[in-house]
Structures are given as structure tokens and as C-alpha cells.
């Protein structure tokens, strides 16, 4: 854990970021982001997921691409400024619902056969990551997929690194663990891991 920023980053942090820049991480324009989105979608082994949950949808760029693979896609974020853009982007996609929600303090009811946690986990501190993981596992039926994608270089503002997030979930894949590791690889500055609930 980063000793300089041990606590989970809250909605105020993200509201400030989006007030300063409408696309602070260049989701709409970055070749890096577009290549990562293609990698993310290619990692999904099923052509369709009936109920999917995207945690941290931001501007909805990946949401709009993921939607064609989903019967119903719930996309959430903590920043209302980001969600306004996501709602506009996904307005013509009836299977997408965009909602303000702070996981794990709130978590949607029901079960999901896909949960996507992309570029979110390192904003949580360790106790919050553990609570979020427990909520995700409780919402996944056997055979459901959890896809993790995170930037790996350390960022001084963030409580955790991408590697720490992935390593925690991989620690749940032992013989007695609830998860099975299906696939994983590293790119230059991010890693991707696909897990399945046993």
C-alpha cells in the first residue's frame, strides 16, 4: 500500500478531475486506450453475456463497445460529470443502464455473468478492495467471469498499484479458492486477467 495515500479515493477526487478536464485520461482519443479496449474485448471468451456489470465506466467509451456483447449492461461510476457523457454516448443502446454508484458502499442486486473491473481497483485501499471483491463474488453465479484490466506503473495518488489489485484476486485462485484463473497477460503498462467463479 502506498503510505502517502492510504485511503480510498472518493467521488470528490473524480469530480475535481473531470471539472479540470472533460477527458482527463484521454479515453476518447488515445491510441493506447483504444488498443487496450480491443485487448479487453478480445479476452472475453463468450460472444454474449446476459447480465454484465461494468464498475467505473467513466465516459462510457468501453461501455458502448461492450454493449453489443451484452443482453443487459449496468455501467456505474462515482462522477456525475463522467456519467452525463456516458449517458449521451449510450443513449441509443437500450441494453445499457448508466447509474451513479459507489462500489462497494453500494452494490446492485441480482447476479451477473460478467463483471468488468477496469482501471478502478487501485483507487481503493486494501480493506475496500477486499469488501468489493466479496460483493463481486457474491453477485457471480458459478461459471461467471471477472475481467480485470489495470495500469501497472505506480501512481503516487493511488492507494494501490494495478499489480496489487490483480495479485489479491489471484490469491483467491488456489485449490480451495473461489476463483479459477483462465487467462492473463501483460502489455507494456497494463495487465489483464480473466477469472471464473468455480
C-alpha atoms as a PDB file:
ATOM      1  CA  UNK A   1       0.000   0.000   0.000  1.00  0.00           C
ATOM      2  CA  UNK A   2       1.192   3.495  -0.796  1.00  0.00           C
ATOM      3  CA  UNK A   3       1.917   5.121   2.622  1.00  0.00           C
ATOM      4  CA  UNK A   4       1.314   8.622   1.252  1.00  0.00           C
ATOM      5  CA  UNK A   5      -2.285   7.920   0.223  1.00  0.00           C
ATOM      6  CA  UNK A   6      -3.677   5.033   2.251  1.00  0.00           C
ATOM      7  CA  UNK A   7      -7.359   5.763   1.866  1.00  0.00           C
ATOM      8  CA  UNK A   8      -9.817   5.049  -0.910  1.00  0.00           C
ATOM      9  CA  UNK A   9     -10.255   7.966  -3.306  1.00  0.00           C
ATOM     10  CA  UNK A  10     -13.820   9.262  -3.100  1.00  0.00           C
ATOM     11  CA  UNK A  11     -16.217  10.948  -5.537  1.00  0.00           C
ATOM     12  CA  UNK A  12     -14.803  14.403  -4.791  1.00  0.00           C
ATOM     13  CA  UNK A  13     -11.424  13.415  -6.223  1.00  0.00           C
ATOM     14  CA  UNK A  14     -13.016  12.373  -9.517  1.00  0.00           C
ATOM     15  CA  UNK A  15     -15.382  15.344  -9.673  1.00  0.00           C
ATOM     16  CA  UNK A  16     -12.340  17.634  -9.424  1.00  0.00           C
ATOM     17  CA  UNK A  17     -10.508  15.691 -12.138  1.00  0.00           C
ATOM     18  CA  UNK A  18     -13.444  15.880 -14.562  1.00  0.00           C
ATOM     19  CA  UNK A  19     -14.036  19.550 -13.809  1.00  0.00           C
ATOM     20  CA  UNK A  20     -10.440  20.251 -14.798  1.00  0.00           C
ATOM     21  CA  UNK A  21     -10.570  18.170 -17.998  1.00  0.00           C
ATOM     22  CA  UNK A  22     -13.578  16.618 -19.761  1.00  0.00           C
ATOM     23  CA  UNK A  23     -11.483  13.599 -20.822  1.00  0.00           C
ATOM     24  CA  UNK A  24      -8.666  13.504 -18.252  1.00  0.00           C
ATOM     25  CA  UNK A  25      -7.304  10.094 -19.224  1.00  0.00           C
ATOM     26  CA  UNK A  26      -7.857  10.574 -22.997  1.00  0.00           C
ATOM     27  CA  UNK A  27     -10.287   7.657 -23.219  1.00  0.00           C
ATOM     28  CA  UNK A  28     -11.794   9.081 -26.402  1.00  0.00           C
ATOM     29  CA  UNK A  29      -8.611   9.859 -28.310  1.00  0.00           C
ATOM     30  CA  UNK A  30      -5.656   7.820 -27.029  1.00  0.00           C
ATOM     31  CA  UNK A  31      -4.315   5.039 -29.287  1.00  0.00           C
ATOM     32  CA  UNK A  32      -3.151   3.320 -26.096  1.00  0.00           C
ATOM     33  CA  UNK A  33      -6.690   3.302 -24.695  1.00  0.00           C
ATOM     34  CA  UNK A  34      -8.195   2.110 -27.966  1.00  0.00           C
ATOM     35  CA  UNK A  35      -5.707  -0.764 -28.193  1.00  0.00           C
ATOM     36  CA  UNK A  36      -6.426  -1.675 -24.575  1.00  0.00           C
ATOM     37  CA  UNK A  37     -10.184  -1.697 -25.235  1.00  0.00           C
ATOM     38  CA  UNK A  38      -9.662  -4.056 -28.170  1.00  0.00           C
ATOM     39  CA  UNK A  39      -7.497  -6.284 -25.963  1.00  0.00           C
ATOM     40  CA  UNK A  40     -10.170  -6.214 -23.239  1.00  0.00           C
ATOM     41  CA  UNK A  41     -12.963  -7.260 -25.577  1.00  0.00           C
ATOM     42  CA  UNK A  42     -10.798  -9.927 -27.226  1.00  0.00           C
ATOM     43  CA  UNK A  43     -10.134 -11.503 -23.810  1.00  0.00           C
ATOM     44  CA  UNK A  44     -13.823 -12.307 -23.293  1.00  0.00           C
ATOM     45  CA  UNK A  45     -14.321 -15.946 -24.283  1.00  0.00           C
ATOM     46  CA  UNK A  46     -18.079 -15.794 -24.786  1.00  0.00           C
ATOM     47  CA  UNK A  47     -19.770 -13.997 -27.655  1.00  0.00           C
ATOM     48  CA  UNK A  48     -22.565 -12.824 -25.337  1.00  0.00           C
ATOM     49  CA  UNK A  49     -23.189 -12.202 -21.645  1.00  0.00           C
ATOM     50  CA  UNK A  50     -26.783 -11.935 -20.497  1.00  0.00           C
ATOM     51  CA  UNK A  51     -26.132  -9.663 -17.486  1.00  0.00           C
ATOM     52  CA  UNK A  52     -22.912  -7.658 -17.259  1.00  0.00           C
ATOM     53  CA  UNK A  53     -21.700  -5.104 -14.722  1.00  0.00           C
ATOM     54  CA  UNK A  54     -19.000  -2.528 -15.510  1.00  0.00           C
ATOM     55  CA  UNK A  55     -17.535  -0.856 -12.434  1.00  0.00           C
ATOM     56  CA  UNK A  56     -16.076   2.562 -13.214  1.00  0.00           C
ATOM     57  CA  UNK A  57     -17.445   3.267 -16.697  1.00  0.00           C
ATOM     58  CA  UNK A  58     -16.212   6.891 -16.809  1.00  0.00           C
ATOM     59  CA  UNK A  59     -17.234   8.469 -20.149  1.00  0.00           C
ATOM     60  CA  UNK A  60     -18.696   5.207 -21.442  1.00  0.00           C
ATOM     61  CA  UNK A  61     -16.219   4.660 -24.283  1.00  0.00           C
ATOM     62  CA  UNK A  62     -15.619   0.998 -23.421  1.00  0.00           C
ATOM     63  CA  UNK A  63     -19.260   0.654 -22.317  1.00  0.00           C
ATOM     64  CA  UNK A  64     -20.509   1.435 -25.813  1.00  0.00           C
ATOM     65  CA  UNK A  65     -18.144  -1.163 -27.304  1.00  0.00           C
ATOM     66  CA  UNK A  66     -19.020  -3.824 -24.730  1.00  0.00           C
ATOM     67  CA  UNK A  67     -22.766  -3.314 -25.153  1.00  0.00           C
ATOM     68  CA  UNK A  68     -23.044  -5.410 -28.325  1.00  0.00           C
ATOM     69  CA  UNK A  69     -21.861  -8.428 -26.330  1.00  0.00           C
ATOM     70  CA  UNK A  70     -24.467  -7.984 -23.572  1.00  0.00           C
ATOM     71  CA  UNK A  71     -28.167  -8.633 -23.100  1.00  0.00           C
ATOM     72  CA  UNK A  72     -28.143  -6.096 -20.274  1.00  0.00           C
ATOM     73  CA  UNK A  73     -25.177  -3.965 -19.185  1.00  0.00           C
ATOM     74  CA  UNK A  74     -25.166  -1.936 -15.977  1.00  0.00           C
ATOM     75  CA  UNK A  75     -22.382   0.667 -16.102  1.00  0.00           C
ATOM     76  CA  UNK A  76     -21.624   2.690 -12.966  1.00  0.00           C
ATOM     77  CA  UNK A  77     -19.283   5.437 -11.861  1.00  0.00           C
ATOM     78  CA  UNK A  78     -18.957   7.830  -8.921  1.00  0.00           C
ATOM     79  CA  UNK A  79     -18.622  11.006 -11.014  1.00  0.00           C
ATOM     80  CA  UNK A  80     -21.807  12.604 -12.291  1.00  0.00           C
ATOM     81  CA  UNK A  81     -19.818  14.677 -14.800  1.00  0.00           C
ATOM     82  CA  UNK A  82     -18.466  11.486 -16.367  1.00  0.00           C
ATOM     83  CA  UNK A  83     -21.865   9.796 -16.253  1.00  0.00           C
ATOM     84  CA  UNK A  84     -23.504  12.620 -18.201  1.00  0.00           C
ATOM     85  CA  UNK A  85     -21.125  11.889 -21.085  1.00  0.00           C
ATOM     86  CA  UNK A  86     -21.642   8.129 -20.728  1.00  0.00           C
ATOM     87  CA  UNK A  87     -25.426   8.541 -20.883  1.00  0.00           C
ATOM     88  CA  UNK A  88     -25.138  10.630 -24.046  1.00  0.00           C
ATOM     89  CA  UNK A  89     -22.776   8.122 -25.651  1.00  0.00           C
ATOM     90  CA  UNK A  90     -25.016   5.148 -24.844  1.00  0.00           C
ATOM     91  CA  UNK A  91     -28.385   6.825 -25.415  1.00  0.00           C
ATOM     92  CA  UNK A  92     -29.122   4.683 -28.484  1.00  0.00           C
ATOM     93  CA  UNK A  93     -28.186   1.438 -26.713  1.00  0.00           C
ATOM     94  CA  UNK A  94     -31.330   0.195 -24.912  1.00  0.00           C
ATOM     95  CA  UNK A  95     -29.493  -2.670 -23.208  1.00  0.00           C
ATOM     96  CA  UNK A  96     -27.250  -0.222 -21.315  1.00  0.00           C
ATOM     97  CA  UNK A  97     -28.190   1.375 -17.999  1.00  0.00           C
ATOM     98  CA  UNK A  98     -25.832   4.039 -16.658  1.00  0.00           C
ATOM     99  CA  UNK A  99     -26.054   4.779 -12.944  1.00  0.00           C
ATOM    100  CA  UNK A 100     -24.184   6.659 -10.244  1.00  0.00           C
ATOM    101  CA  UNK A 101     -22.986   4.122  -7.696  1.00  0.00           C
ATOM    102  CA  UNK A 102     -20.005   3.881  -5.372  1.00  0.00           C
ATOM    103  CA  UNK A 103     -18.853   0.274  -5.067  1.00  0.00           C
ATOM    104  CA  UNK A 104     -18.612  -1.369  -2.577  1.00  0.00           C
ATOM    105  CA  UNK A 105     -20.572   1.018  -0.340  1.00  0.00           C
ATOM    106  CA  UNK A 106     -23.493   0.291  -2.653  1.00  0.00           C
ATOM    107  CA  UNK A 107     -23.861  -2.733  -4.889  1.00  0.00           C
ATOM    108  CA  UNK A 108     -26.634  -3.678  -7.323  1.00  0.00           C
ATOM    109  CA  UNK A 109     -28.995  -6.539  -6.577  1.00  0.00           C
ATOM    110  CA  UNK A 110     -29.039  -9.685  -8.646  1.00  0.00           C
ATOM    111  CA  UNK A 111     -26.404 -11.782 -10.351  1.00  0.00           C
ATOM    112  CA  UNK A 112     -24.024 -11.032 -13.231  1.00  0.00           C
ATOM    113  CA  UNK A 113     -22.339 -13.458 -15.582  1.00  0.00           C
ATOM    114  CA  UNK A 114     -19.669 -10.831 -16.338  1.00  0.00           C
ATOM    115  CA  UNK A 115     -18.138  -8.224 -14.064  1.00  0.00           C
ATOM    116  CA  UNK A 116     -15.560  -5.850 -15.565  1.00  0.00           C
ATOM    117  CA  UNK A 117     -13.177  -4.051 -13.229  1.00  0.00           C
ATOM    118  CA  UNK A 118     -11.017  -1.901 -15.472  1.00  0.00           C
ATOM    119  CA  UNK A 119      -8.758   0.874 -14.150  1.00  0.00           C
ATOM    120  CA  UNK A 120     -10.641   1.095 -10.844  1.00  0.00           C
ATOM    121  CA  UNK A 121      -9.189  -1.225  -8.213  1.00  0.00           C
ATOM    122  CA  UNK A 122      -6.111   0.880  -7.425  1.00  0.00           C
ATOM    123  CA  UNK A 123      -8.362   3.739  -6.266  1.00  0.00           C
ATOM    124  CA  UNK A 124      -9.417   1.583  -3.301  1.00  0.00           C
ATOM    125  CA  UNK A 125      -7.423   0.914  -0.162  1.00  0.00           C
ATOM    126  CA  UNK A 126      -6.909  -2.703   0.863  1.00  0.00           C
ATOM    127  CA  UNK A 127      -9.980  -3.069   3.146  1.00  0.00           C
ATOM    128  CA  UNK A 128     -12.196  -1.528   0.470  1.00  0.00           C
ATOM    129  CA  UNK A 129     -10.711  -3.807  -2.200  1.00  0.00           C
ATOM    130  CA  UNK A 130     -11.493  -6.823  -0.025  1.00  0.00           C
ATOM    131  CA  UNK A 131     -15.084  -5.661   0.556  1.00  0.00           C
ATOM    132  CA  UNK A 132     -15.535  -5.013  -3.159  1.00  0.00           C
ATOM    133  CA  UNK A 133     -14.166  -8.451  -4.021  1.00  0.00           C
ATOM    134  CA  UNK A 134     -16.572 -10.105  -1.591  1.00  0.00           C
ATOM    135  CA  UNK A 135     -19.515  -8.205  -3.088  1.00  0.00           C
ATOM    136  CA  UNK A 136     -18.481  -9.147  -6.618  1.00  0.00           C
ATOM    137  CA  UNK A 137     -18.079 -12.825  -5.764  1.00  0.00           C
ATOM    138  CA  UNK A 138     -21.481 -12.860  -4.055  1.00  0.00           C
ATOM    139  CA  UNK A 139     -23.061 -11.474  -7.248  1.00  0.00           C
ATOM    140  CA  UNK A 140     -21.482 -14.065  -9.556  1.00  0.00           C
ATOM    141  CA  UNK A 141     -23.079 -17.467 -10.198  1.00  0.00           C
ATOM    142  CA  UNK A 142     -20.817 -20.440 -10.881  1.00  0.00           C
ATOM    143  CA  UNK A 143     -19.138 -20.034 -14.257  1.00  0.00           C
ATOM    144  CA  UNK A 144     -19.403 -16.229 -14.275  1.00  0.00           C
ATOM    145  CA  UNK A 145     -16.398 -14.230 -15.462  1.00  0.00           C
ATOM    146  CA  UNK A 146     -14.479 -11.435 -13.745  1.00  0.00           C
ATOM    147  CA  UNK A 147     -12.216  -9.451 -16.070  1.00  0.00           C
ATOM    148  CA  UNK A 148      -9.532  -7.250 -14.514  1.00  0.00           C
ATOM    149  CA  UNK A 149      -7.559  -4.661 -16.507  1.00  0.00           C
ATOM    150  CA  UNK A 150      -5.270  -2.161 -14.756  1.00  0.00           C
ATOM    151  CA  UNK A 151      -2.396   0.241 -15.390  1.00  0.00           C
ATOM    152  CA  UNK A 152       0.680  -1.175 -13.659  1.00  0.00           C
ATOM    153  CA  UNK A 153       3.110   1.740 -13.080  1.00  0.00           C
ATOM    154  CA  UNK A 154       2.820   3.231  -9.610  1.00  0.00           C
ATOM    155  CA  UNK A 155       0.858   6.480  -9.281  1.00  0.00           C
ATOM    156  CA  UNK A 156       1.626   8.403  -6.096  1.00  0.00           C
ATOM    157  CA  UNK A 157      -2.021   9.491  -5.560  1.00  0.00           C
ATOM    158  CA  UNK A 158      -3.386   5.944  -5.674  1.00  0.00           C
ATOM    159  CA  UNK A 159      -3.654   3.705  -2.595  1.00  0.00           C
ATOM    160  CA  UNK A 160      -2.730   0.533  -4.527  1.00  0.00           C
ATOM    161  CA  UNK A 161      -0.968  -0.458  -7.727  1.00  0.00           C
ATOM    162  CA  UNK A 162      -2.582  -2.428 -10.516  1.00  0.00           C
ATOM    163  CA  UNK A 163      -0.329  -5.357  -9.660  1.00  0.00           C
ATOM    164  CA  UNK A 164      -1.505  -5.339  -6.046  1.00  0.00           C
ATOM    165  CA  UNK A 165      -5.125  -5.425  -7.207  1.00  0.00           C
ATOM    166  CA  UNK A 166      -4.561  -8.355  -9.565  1.00  0.00           C
ATOM    167  CA  UNK A 167      -2.364 -10.226  -7.110  1.00  0.00           C
ATOM    168  CA  UNK A 168      -5.111 -10.049  -4.493  1.00  0.00           C
ATOM    169  CA  UNK A 169      -7.671 -11.607  -6.839  1.00  0.00           C
ATOM    170  CA  UNK A 170      -5.133 -14.210  -7.980  1.00  0.00           C
ATOM    171  CA  UNK A 171      -4.622 -15.136  -4.315  1.00  0.00           C
ATOM    172  CA  UNK A 172      -8.245 -16.363  -4.435  1.00  0.00           C
ATOM    173  CA  UNK A 173      -7.458 -18.907  -7.163  1.00  0.00           C
ATOM    174  CA  UNK A 174      -5.726 -21.569  -5.054  1.00  0.00           C
ATOM    175  CA  UNK A 175      -7.058 -25.105  -4.716  1.00  0.00           C
ATOM    176  CA  UNK A 176      -9.567 -24.013  -2.080  1.00  0.00           C
ATOM    177  CA  UNK A 177     -10.222 -20.567  -3.556  1.00  0.00           C
ATOM    178  CA  UNK A 178     -13.485 -19.445  -5.142  1.00  0.00           C
ATOM    179  CA  UNK A 179     -11.907 -18.363  -8.430  1.00  0.00           C
ATOM    180  CA  UNK A 180     -10.167 -20.068 -11.342  1.00  0.00           C
ATOM    181  CA  UNK A 181      -7.596 -18.168 -13.436  1.00  0.00           C
ATOM    182  CA  UNK A 182      -8.453 -18.628 -17.117  1.00  0.00           C
ATOM    183  CA  UNK A 183      -6.089 -16.219 -18.836  1.00  0.00           C
ATOM    184  CA  UNK A 184      -3.690 -13.391 -18.156  1.00  0.00           C
ATOM    185  CA  UNK A 185      -1.037 -11.318 -19.855  1.00  0.00           C
ATOM    186  CA  UNK A 186       0.919  -8.103 -19.560  1.00  0.00           C
ATOM    187  CA  UNK A 187       1.304  -5.283 -22.026  1.00  0.00           C
ATOM    188  CA  UNK A 188       3.912  -2.551 -21.584  1.00  0.00           C
ATOM    189  CA  UNK A 189       1.956  -0.595 -18.967  1.00  0.00           C
ATOM    190  CA  UNK A 190      -1.095  -2.653 -18.062  1.00  0.00           C
ATOM    191  CA  UNK A 191      -2.078  -6.190 -17.205  1.00  0.00           C
ATOM    192  CA  UNK A 192      -5.186  -8.202 -17.893  1.00  0.00           C
ATOM    193  CA  UNK A 193      -6.505 -11.226 -16.016  1.00  0.00           C
ATOM    194  CA  UNK A 194      -9.668 -13.236 -16.667  1.00  0.00           C
ATOM    195  CA  UNK A 195     -11.110 -15.191 -13.731  1.00  0.00           C
ATOM    196  CA  UNK A 196     -14.066 -17.537 -13.412  1.00  0.00           C
ATOM    197  CA  UNK A 197     -16.114 -18.366 -10.350  1.00  0.00           C
ATOM    198  CA  UNK A 198     -15.887 -22.084  -9.542  1.00  0.00           C
END
